[in-house]
Amino acid sequence: MTQTDEYAREIEKHIPEARATVATEDGVHFTATVVSDAFEGKNLLTRHRMVNAALKDRIASGEIHALAIGRVCTSAEWQEKGGES
């Protein structure tokens, strides 16, 4: 399992029914995209906090230097924005 796959699985364990992808170009700066109906009714800041909370230990240790959150949306929002099912 790759490093990015590990981070995606951690997010999926932390956020109910999440589908996550994590990408990196240099091994310390990461971008996450997360789709979960657990985001329903939550504002963008709360959604971002949920993703950061899933990886807080790795961020605190410096293993993840920077985490950009690309898209955080519900399944319906993902479909509206043209995401794959």
PDB file of N, CA and C in Angstrom:
ATOM      1  N   MET A   1       0.844  -1.175   0.000  1.00  0.00           N
ATOM      2  CA  MET A   1       0.000   0.000   0.000  1.00  0.00           C
ATOM      3  C   MET A   1       0.891   1.240   0.000  1.00  0.00           C
ATOM      4  N   THR A   2       0.568   2.179  -0.849  1.00  0.00           N
ATOM      5  CA  THR A   2       1.364   3.405  -0.924  1.00  0.00           C
ATOM      6  C   THR A   2       1.023   4.347   0.230  1.00  0.00           C
ATOM      7  N   GLN A   3       1.878   5.304   0.420  1.00  0.00           N
ATOM      8  CA  GLN A   3       1.682   6.306   1.458  1.00  0.00           C
ATOM      9  C   GLN A   3       0.353   7.037   1.256  1.00  0.00           C
ATOM     10  N   THR A   4       0.067   7.433   0.027  1.00  0.00           N
ATOM     11  CA  THR A   4      -1.180   8.149  -0.242  1.00  0.00           C
ATOM     12  C   THR A   4      -2.398   7.253  -0.005  1.00  0.00           C
ATOM     13  N   ASP A   5      -2.275   5.969  -0.330  1.00  0.00           N
ATOM     14  CA  ASP A   5      -3.370   5.028  -0.048  1.00  0.00           C
ATOM     15  C   ASP A   5      -3.605   4.905   1.460  1.00  0.00           C
ATOM     16  N   GLU A   6      -2.527   4.875   2.241  1.00  0.00           N
ATOM     17  CA  GLU A   6      -2.660   4.797   3.702  1.00  0.00           C
ATOM     18  C   GLU A   6      -3.427   5.998   4.236  1.00  0.00           C
ATOM     19  N   TYR A   7      -3.083   7.185   3.753  1.00  0.00           N
ATOM     20  CA  TYR A   7      -3.750   8.398   4.213  1.00  0.00           C
ATOM     21  C   TYR A   7      -5.219   8.384   3.805  1.00  0.00           C
ATOM     22  N   ALA A   8      -5.501   7.944   2.602  1.00  0.00           N
ATOM     23  CA  ALA A   8      -6.893   7.868   2.143  1.00  0.00           C
ATOM     24  C   ALA A   8      -7.689   6.903   3.016  1.00  0.00           C
ATOM     25  N   ARG A   9      -7.098   5.752   3.359  1.00  0.00           N
ATOM     26  CA  ARG A   9      -7.796   4.779   4.210  1.00  0.00           C
ATOM     27  C   ARG A   9      -8.041   5.358   5.603  1.00  0.00           C
ATOM     28  N   GLU A  10      -7.092   6.132   6.133  1.00  0.00           N
ATOM     29  CA  GLU A  10      -7.284   6.761   7.442  1.00  0.00           C
ATOM     30  C   GLU A  10      -8.463   7.727   7.408  1.00  0.00           C
ATOM     31  N   ILE A  11      -8.550   8.501   6.359  1.00  0.00           N
ATOM     32  CA  ILE A  11      -9.674   9.425   6.209  1.00  0.00           C
ATOM     33  C   ILE A  11     -10.979   8.637   6.142  1.00  0.00           C
ATOM     34  N   GLU A  12     -10.988   7.566   5.373  1.00  0.00           N
ATOM     35  CA  GLU A  12     -12.196   6.756   5.221  1.00  0.00           C
ATOM     36  C   GLU A  12     -12.615   6.101   6.543  1.00  0.00           C
ATOM     37  N   LYS A  13     -11.653   5.751   7.381  1.00  0.00           N
ATOM     38  CA  LYS A  13     -11.980   5.175   8.693  1.00  0.00           C
ATOM     39  C   LYS A  13     -12.556   6.237   9.628  1.00  0.00           C
ATOM     40  N   HIS A  14     -12.092   7.455   9.493  1.00  0.00           N
ATOM     41  CA  HIS A  14     -12.470   8.537  10.402  1.00  0.00           C
ATOM     42  C   HIS A  14     -13.809   9.187  10.024  1.00  0.00           C
ATOM     43  N   ILE A  15     -14.101   9.270   8.747  1.00  0.00           N
ATOM     44  CA  ILE A  15     -15.321   9.932   8.275  1.00  0.00           C
ATOM     45  C   ILE A  15     -16.277   8.860   7.751  1.00  0.00           C
ATOM     46  N   PRO A  16     -17.479   8.777   8.305  1.00  0.00           N
ATOM     47  CA  PRO A  16     -18.422   7.735   7.899  1.00  0.00           C
ATOM     48  C   PRO A  16     -18.700   7.719   6.388  1.00  0.00           C
ATOM     49  N   GLU A  17     -18.659   6.528   5.824  1.00  0.00           N
ATOM     50  CA  GLU A  17     -18.995   6.280   4.423  1.00  0.00           C
ATOM     51  C   GLU A  17     -18.221   7.161   3.440  1.00  0.00           C
ATOM     52  N   ALA A  18     -17.001   7.507   3.800  1.00  0.00           N
ATOM     53  CA  ALA A  18     -16.187   8.370   2.943  1.00  0.00           C
ATOM     54  C   ALA A  18     -15.495   7.573   1.845  1.00  0.00           C
ATOM     55  N   ARG A  19     -15.329   8.240   0.714  1.00  0.00           N
ATOM     56  CA  ARG A  19     -14.453   7.769  -0.361  1.00  0.00           C
ATOM     57  C   ARG A  19     -13.397   8.850  -0.515  1.00  0.00           C
ATOM     58  N   ALA A  20     -12.160   8.493  -0.290  1.00  0.00           N
ATOM     59  CA  ALA A  20     -11.089   9.489  -0.294  1.00  0.00           C
ATOM     60  C   ALA A  20      -9.993   9.111  -1.278  1.00  0.00           C
ATOM     61  N   THR A  21      -9.415  10.135  -1.876  1.00  0.00           N
ATOM     62  CA  THR A  21      -8.199   9.968  -2.662  1.00  0.00           C
ATOM     63  C   THR A  21      -7.204  11.020  -2.166  1.00  0.00           C
ATOM     64  N   VAL A  22      -5.956  10.627  -2.117  1.00  0.00           N
ATOM     65  CA  VAL A  22      -4.894  11.529  -1.684  1.00  0.00           C
ATOM     66  C   VAL A  22      -3.784  11.442  -2.713  1.00  0.00           C
ATOM     67  N   ALA A  23      -3.266  12.592  -3.086  1.00  0.00           N
ATOM     68  CA  ALA A  23      -2.193  12.647  -4.085  1.00  0.00           C
ATOM     69  C   ALA A  23      -1.030  13.474  -3.537  1.00  0.00           C
ATOM     70  N   THR A  24       0.152  13.208  -4.074  1.00  0.00           N
ATOM     71  CA  THR A  24       1.342  13.985  -3.711  1.00  0.00           C
ATOM     72  C   THR A  24       2.292  14.002  -4.891  1.00  0.00           C
ATOM     73  N   GLU A  25       3.085  15.048  -4.943  1.00  0.00           N
ATOM     74  CA  GLU A  25       4.142  15.109  -5.957  1.00  0.00           C
ATOM     75  C   GLU A  25       5.519  14.974  -5.328  1.00  0.00           C
ATOM     76  N   ASP A  26       5.620  15.282  -4.025  1.00  0.00           N
ATOM     77  CA  ASP A  26       6.940  15.292  -3.394  1.00  0.00           C
ATOM     78  C   ASP A  26       7.037  14.480  -2.101  1.00  0.00           C
ATOM     79  N   GLY A  27       5.944  13.838  -1.686  1.00  0.00           N
ATOM     80  CA  GLY A  27       5.991  13.003  -0.500  1.00  0.00           C
ATOM     81  C   GLY A  27       5.788  13.715   0.826  1.00  0.00           C
ATOM     82  N   VAL A  28       5.636  15.040   0.817  1.00  0.00           N
ATOM     83  CA  VAL A  28       5.360  15.768   2.055  1.00  0.00           C
ATOM     84  C   VAL A  28       4.192  16.742   1.922  1.00  0.00           C
ATOM     85  N   HIS A  29       3.871  17.132   0.703  1.00  0.00           N
ATOM     86  CA  HIS A  29       2.730  18.004   0.422  1.00  0.00           C
ATOM     87  C   HIS A  29       1.657  17.142  -0.237  1.00  0.00           C
ATOM     88  N   PHE A  30       0.460  17.138   0.349  1.00  0.00           N
ATOM     89  CA  PHE A  30      -0.599  16.237  -0.105  1.00  0.00           C
ATOM     90  C   PHE A  30      -1.876  16.999  -0.415  1.00  0.00           C
ATOM     91  N   THR A  31      -2.661  16.435  -1.320  1.00  0.00           N
ATOM     92  CA  THR A  31      -3.978  16.972  -1.650  1.00  0.00           C
ATOM     93  C   THR A  31      -4.993  15.859  -1.489  1.00  0.00           C
ATOM     94  N   ALA A  32      -6.053  16.142  -0.738  1.00  0.00           N
ATOM     95  CA  ALA A  32      -7.099  15.146  -0.492  1.00  0.00           C
ATOM     96  C   ALA A  32      -8.410  15.572  -1.137  1.00  0.00           C
ATOM     97  N   THR A  33      -9.106  14.604  -1.684  1.00  0.00           N
ATOM     98  CA  THR A  33     -10.467  14.781  -2.172  1.00  0.00           C
ATOM     99  C   THR A  33     -11.312  13.756  -1.425  1.00  0.00           C
ATOM    100  N   VAL A  34     -12.407  14.228  -0.824  1.00  0.00           N
ATOM    101  CA  VAL A  34     -13.223  13.338   0.001  1.00  0.00           C
ATOM    102  C   VAL A  34     -14.700  13.533  -0.325  1.00  0.00           C
ATOM    103  N   VAL A  35     -15.371  12.413  -0.556  1.00  0.00           N
ATOM    104  CA  VAL A  35     -16.813  12.413  -0.800  1.00  0.00           C
ATOM    105  C   VAL A  35     -17.458  11.603   0.305  1.00  0.00           C
ATOM    106  N   SER A  36     -18.395  12.223   1.024  1.00  0.00           N
ATOM    107  CA  SER A  36     -19.102  11.522   2.095  1.00  0.00           C
ATOM    108  C   SER A  36     -20.408  12.236   2.400  1.00  0.00           C
ATOM    109  N   ASP A  37     -21.448  11.473   2.600  1.00  0.00           N
ATOM    110  CA  ASP A  37     -22.717  12.073   2.993  1.00  0.00           C
ATOM    111  C   ASP A  37     -22.681  12.570   4.435  1.00  0.00           C
ATOM    112  N   ALA A  38     -21.613  12.262   5.162  1.00  0.00           N
ATOM    113  CA  ALA A  38     -21.435  12.816   6.506  1.00  0.00           C
ATOM    114  C   ALA A  38     -21.220  14.330   6.442  1.00  0.00           C
ATOM    115  N   PHE A  39     -20.921  14.866   5.274  1.00  0.00           N
ATOM    116  CA  PHE A  39     -20.738  16.306   5.094  1.00  0.00           C
ATOM    117  C   PHE A  39     -22.066  17.051   4.935  1.00  0.00           C
ATOM    118  N   GLU A  40     -23.147  16.311   4.770  1.00  0.00           N
ATOM    119  CA  GLU A  40     -24.463  16.927   4.557  1.00  0.00           C
ATOM    120  C   GLU A  40     -24.773  17.930   5.666  1.00  0.00           C
ATOM    121  N   GLY A  41     -25.125  19.157   5.272  1.00  0.00           N
ATOM    122  CA  GLY A  41     -25.493  20.199   6.226  1.00  0.00           C
ATOM    123  C   GLY A  41     -24.328  20.877   6.916  1.00  0.00           C
ATOM    124  N   LYS A  42     -23.104  20.483   6.577  1.00  0.00           N
ATOM    125  CA  LYS A  42     -21.926  21.074   7.218  1.00  0.00           C
ATOM    126  C   LYS A  42     -21.287  22.089   6.268  1.00  0.00           C
ATOM    127  N   ASN A  43     -20.793  23.185   6.838  1.00  0.00           N
ATOM    128  CA  ASN A  43     -20.142  24.189   6.002  1.00  0.00           C
ATOM    129  C   ASN A  43     -18.736  23.721   5.613  1.00  0.00           C
ATOM    130  N   LEU A  44     -18.118  24.459   4.715  1.00  0.00           N
ATOM    131  CA  LEU A  44     -16.815  24.070   4.175  1.00  0.00           C
ATOM    132  C   LEU A  44     -15.745  23.969   5.260  1.00  0.00           C
ATOM    133  N   LEU A  45     -15.734  24.909   6.190  1.00  0.00           N
ATOM    134  CA  LEU A  45     -14.727  24.885   7.253  1.00  0.00           C
ATOM    135  C   LEU A  45     -14.865  23.625   8.104  1.00  0.00           C
ATOM    136  N   THR A  46     -16.076  23.266   8.457  1.00  0.00           N
ATOM    137  CA  THR A  46     -16.295  22.059   9.251  1.00  0.00           C
ATOM    138  C   THR A  46     -15.854  20.823   8.485  1.00  0.00           C
ATOM    139  N   ARG A  47     -16.138  20.787   7.205  1.00  0.00           N
ATOM    140  CA  ARG A  47     -15.723  19.649   6.370  1.00  0.00           C
ATOM    141  C   ARG A  47     -14.199  19.527   6.359  1.00  0.00           C
ATOM    142  N   HIS A  48     -13.528  20.649   6.188  1.00  0.00           N
ATOM    143  CA  HIS A  48     -12.063  20.638   6.179  1.00  0.00           C
ATOM    144  C   HIS A  48     -11.520  20.173   7.520  1.00  0.00           C
ATOM    145  N   ARG A  49     -12.132  20.619   8.597  1.00  0.00           N
ATOM    146  CA  ARG A  49     -11.687  20.208   9.928  1.00  0.00           C
ATOM    147  C   ARG A  49     -11.848  18.699  10.116  1.00  0.00           C
ATOM    148  N   MET A  50     -12.909  18.138   9.571  1.00  0.00           N
ATOM    149  CA  MET A  50     -13.124  16.698   9.674  1.00  0.00           C
ATOM    150  C   MET A  50     -11.990  15.933   8.987  1.00  0.00           C
ATOM    151  N   VAL A  51     -11.579  16.406   7.813  1.00  0.00           N
ATOM    152  CA  VAL A  51     -10.494  15.741   7.081  1.00  0.00           C
ATOM    153  C   VAL A  51      -9.177  15.916   7.832  1.00  0.00           C
ATOM    154  N   ASN A  52      -8.901  17.121   8.293  1.00  0.00           N
ATOM    155  CA  ASN A  52      -7.668  17.357   9.054  1.00  0.00           C
ATOM    156  C   ASN A  52      -7.620  16.504  10.315  1.00  0.00           C
ATOM    157  N   ALA A  53      -8.755  16.340  10.980  1.00  0.00           N
ATOM    158  CA  ALA A  53      -8.801  15.534  12.202  1.00  0.00           C
ATOM    159  C   ALA A  53      -8.423  14.087  11.930  1.00  0.00           C
ATOM    160  N   ALA A  54      -8.777  13.595  10.755  1.00  0.00           N
ATOM    161  CA  ALA A  54      -8.462  12.206  10.399  1.00  0.00           C
ATOM    162  C   ALA A  54      -6.954  11.975  10.305  1.00  0.00           C
ATOM    163  N   LEU A  55      -6.217  13.011   9.959  1.00  0.00           N
ATOM    164  CA  LEU A  55      -4.764  12.873   9.757  1.00  0.00           C
ATOM    165  C   LEU A  55      -3.959  13.682  10.773  1.00  0.00           C
ATOM    166  N   LYS A  56      -4.595  14.094  11.868  1.00  0.00           N
ATOM    167  CA  LYS A  56      -3.942  15.000  12.811  1.00  0.00           C
ATOM    168  C   LYS A  56      -2.628  14.473  13.364  1.00  0.00           C
ATOM    169  N   ASP A  57      -2.535  13.181  13.647  1.00  0.00           N
ATOM    170  CA  ASP A  57      -1.295  12.640  14.203  1.00  0.00           C
ATOM    171  C   ASP A  57      -0.152  12.715  13.189  1.00  0.00           C
ATOM    172  N   ARG A  58      -0.459  12.434  11.956  1.00  0.00           N
ATOM    173  CA  ARG A  58       0.582  12.486  10.910  1.00  0.00           C
ATOM    174  C   ARG A  58       0.994  13.924  10.603  1.00  0.00           C
ATOM    175  N   ILE A  59       0.051  14.843  10.720  1.00  0.00           N
ATOM    176  CA  ILE A  59       0.370  16.258  10.539  1.00  0.00           C
ATOM    177  C   ILE A  59       1.219  16.737  11.711  1.00  0.00           C
ATOM    178  N   ALA A  60       0.818  16.389  12.934  1.00  0.00           N
ATOM    179  CA  ALA A  60       1.549  16.815  14.132  1.00  0.00           C
ATOM    180  C   ALA A  60       2.979  16.290  14.159  1.00  0.00           C
ATOM    181  N   SER A  61       3.175  15.086  13.645  1.00  0.00           N
ATOM    182  CA  SER A  61       4.517  14.493  13.640  1.00  0.00           C
ATOM    183  C   SER A  61       5.417  15.074  12.560  1.00  0.00           C
ATOM    184  N   GLY A  62       4.823  15.803  11.603  1.00  0.00           N
ATOM    185  CA  GLY A  62       5.603  16.348  10.494  1.00  0.00           C
ATOM    186  C   GLY A  62       5.687  15.413   9.306  1.00  0.00           C
ATOM    187  N   GLU A  63       5.110  14.229   9.437  1.00  0.00           N
ATOM    188  CA  GLU A  63       5.087  13.279   8.318  1.00  0.00           C
ATOM    189  C   GLU A  63       4.367  13.898   7.120  1.00  0.00           C
ATOM    190  N   ILE A  64       3.288  14.611   7.409  1.00  0.00           N
ATOM    191  CA  ILE A  64       2.592  15.396   6.390  1.00  0.00           C
ATOM    192  C   ILE A  64       2.917  16.848   6.685  1.00  0.00           C
ATOM    193  N   HIS A  65       3.661  17.470   5.792  1.00  0.00           N
ATOM    194  CA  HIS A  65       4.049  18.858   5.997  1.00  0.00           C
ATOM    195  C   HIS A  65       2.896  19.800   5.654  1.00  0.00           C
ATOM    196  N   ALA A  66       2.171  19.489   4.597  1.00  0.00           N
ATOM    197  CA  ALA A  66       1.060  20.334   4.174  1.00  0.00           C
ATOM    198  C   ALA A  66      -0.032  19.454   3.584  1.00  0.00           C
ATOM    199  N   LEU A  67      -1.266  19.772   3.952  1.00  0.00           N
ATOM    200  CA  LEU A  67      -2.413  19.045   3.420  1.00  0.00           C
ATOM    201  C   LEU A  67      -3.379  20.045   2.799  1.00  0.00           C
ATOM    202  N   ALA A  68      -3.493  19.986   1.492  1.00  0.00           N
ATOM    203  CA  ALA A  68      -4.477  20.801   0.783  1.00  0.00           C
ATOM    204  C   ALA A  68      -5.713  19.936   0.597  1.00  0.00           C
ATOM    205  N   ILE A  69      -6.857  20.524   0.808  1.00  0.00           N
ATOM    206  CA  ILE A  69      -8.090  19.775   0.643  1.00  0.00           C
ATOM    207  C   ILE A  69      -8.752  20.281  -0.629  1.00  0.00           C
ATOM    208  N   GLY A  70      -8.673  19.422  -1.651  1.00  0.00           N
ATOM    209  CA  GLY A  70      -9.165  19.805  -2.968  1.00  0.00           C
ATOM    210  C   GLY A  70     -10.671  19.956  -3.004  1.00  0.00           C
ATOM    211  N   ARG A  71     -11.372  18.865  -2.784  1.00  0.00           N
ATOM    212  CA  ARG A  71     -12.825  18.887  -2.792  1.00  0.00           C
ATOM    213  C   ARG A  71     -13.322  18.043  -1.633  1.00  0.00           C
ATOM    214  N   VAL A  72     -14.300  18.569  -0.922  1.00  0.00           N
ATOM    215  CA  VAL A  72     -15.003  17.825   0.118  1.00  0.00           C
ATOM    216  C   VAL A  72     -16.482  18.022  -0.163  1.00  0.00           C
ATOM    217  N   CYS A  73     -17.155  16.950  -0.502  1.00  0.00           N
ATOM    218  CA  CYS A  73     -18.549  17.092  -0.889  1.00  0.00           C
ATOM    219  C   CYS A  73     -19.348  15.838  -0.588  1.00  0.00           C
ATOM    220  N   THR A  74     -20.660  16.003  -0.606  1.00  0.00           N
ATOM    221  CA  THR A  74     -21.551  14.861  -0.443  1.00  0.00           C
ATOM    222  C   THR A  74     -21.616  14.123  -1.776  1.00  0.00           C
ATOM    223  N   SER A  75     -22.210  12.955  -1.765  1.00  0.00           N
ATOM    224  CA  SER A  75     -22.361  12.187  -3.013  1.00  0.00           C
ATOM    225  C   SER A  75     -23.146  12.976  -4.051  1.00  0.00           C
ATOM    226  N   ALA A  76     -24.216  13.638  -3.626  1.00  0.00           N
ATOM    227  CA  ALA A  76     -25.033  14.423  -4.562  1.00  0.00           C
ATOM    228  C   ALA A  76     -24.244  15.590  -5.139  1.00  0.00           C
ATOM    229  N   GLU A  77     -23.480  16.285  -4.303  1.00  0.00           N
ATOM    230  CA  GLU A  77     -22.650  17.398  -4.785  1.00  0.00           C
ATOM    231  C   GLU A  77     -21.599  16.900  -5.769  1.00  0.00           C
ATOM    232  N   TRP A  78     -21.024  15.748  -5.474  1.00  0.00           N
ATOM    233  CA  TRP A  78     -20.018  15.152  -6.345  1.00  0.00           C
ATOM    234  C   TRP A  78     -20.615  14.884  -7.732  1.00  0.00           C
ATOM    235  N   GLN A  79     -21.804  14.321  -7.760  1.00  0.00           N
ATOM    236  CA  GLN A  79     -22.471  14.038  -9.027  1.00  0.00           C
ATOM    237  C   GLN A  79     -22.805  15.317  -9.781  1.00  0.00           C
ATOM    238  N   GLU A  80     -23.282  16.330  -9.063  1.00  0.00           N
ATOM    239  CA  GLU A  80     -23.609  17.629  -9.689  1.00  0.00           C
ATOM    240  C   GLU A  80     -22.377  18.277 -10.312  1.00  0.00           C
ATOM    241  N   LYS A  81     -21.213  18.063  -9.713  1.00  0.00           N
ATOM    242  CA  LYS A  81     -19.979  18.670 -10.197  1.00  0.00           C
ATOM    243  C   LYS A  81     -19.282  17.802 -11.237  1.00  0.00           C
ATOM    244  N   GLY A  82     -19.953  16.717 -11.623  1.00  0.00           N
ATOM    245  CA  GLY A  82     -19.385  15.878 -12.681  1.00  0.00           C
ATOM    246  C   GLY A  82     -18.417  14.837 -12.218  1.00  0.00           C
ATOM    247  N   GLY A  83     -18.409  14.501 -10.929  1.00  0.00           N
ATOM    248  CA  GLY A  83     -17.531  13.458 -10.428  1.00  0.00           C
ATOM    249  C   GLY A  83     -17.996  12.091 -10.872  1.00  0.00           C
ATOM    250  N   GLU A  84     -17.100  11.153 -10.834  1.00  0.00           N
ATOM    251  CA  GLU A  84     -17.443   9.773 -11.209  1.00  0.00           C
ATOM    252  C   GLU A  84     -18.226   9.136 -10.081  1.00  0.00           C
ATOM    253  N   SER A  85     -19.072   8.183 -10.427  1.00  0.00           N
ATOM    254  CA  SER A  85     -19.887   7.528  -9.394  1.00  0.00           C
ATOM    255  C   SER A  85     -19.117   6.449  -8.682  1.00  0.00           C
TER     256      SER A  85
END
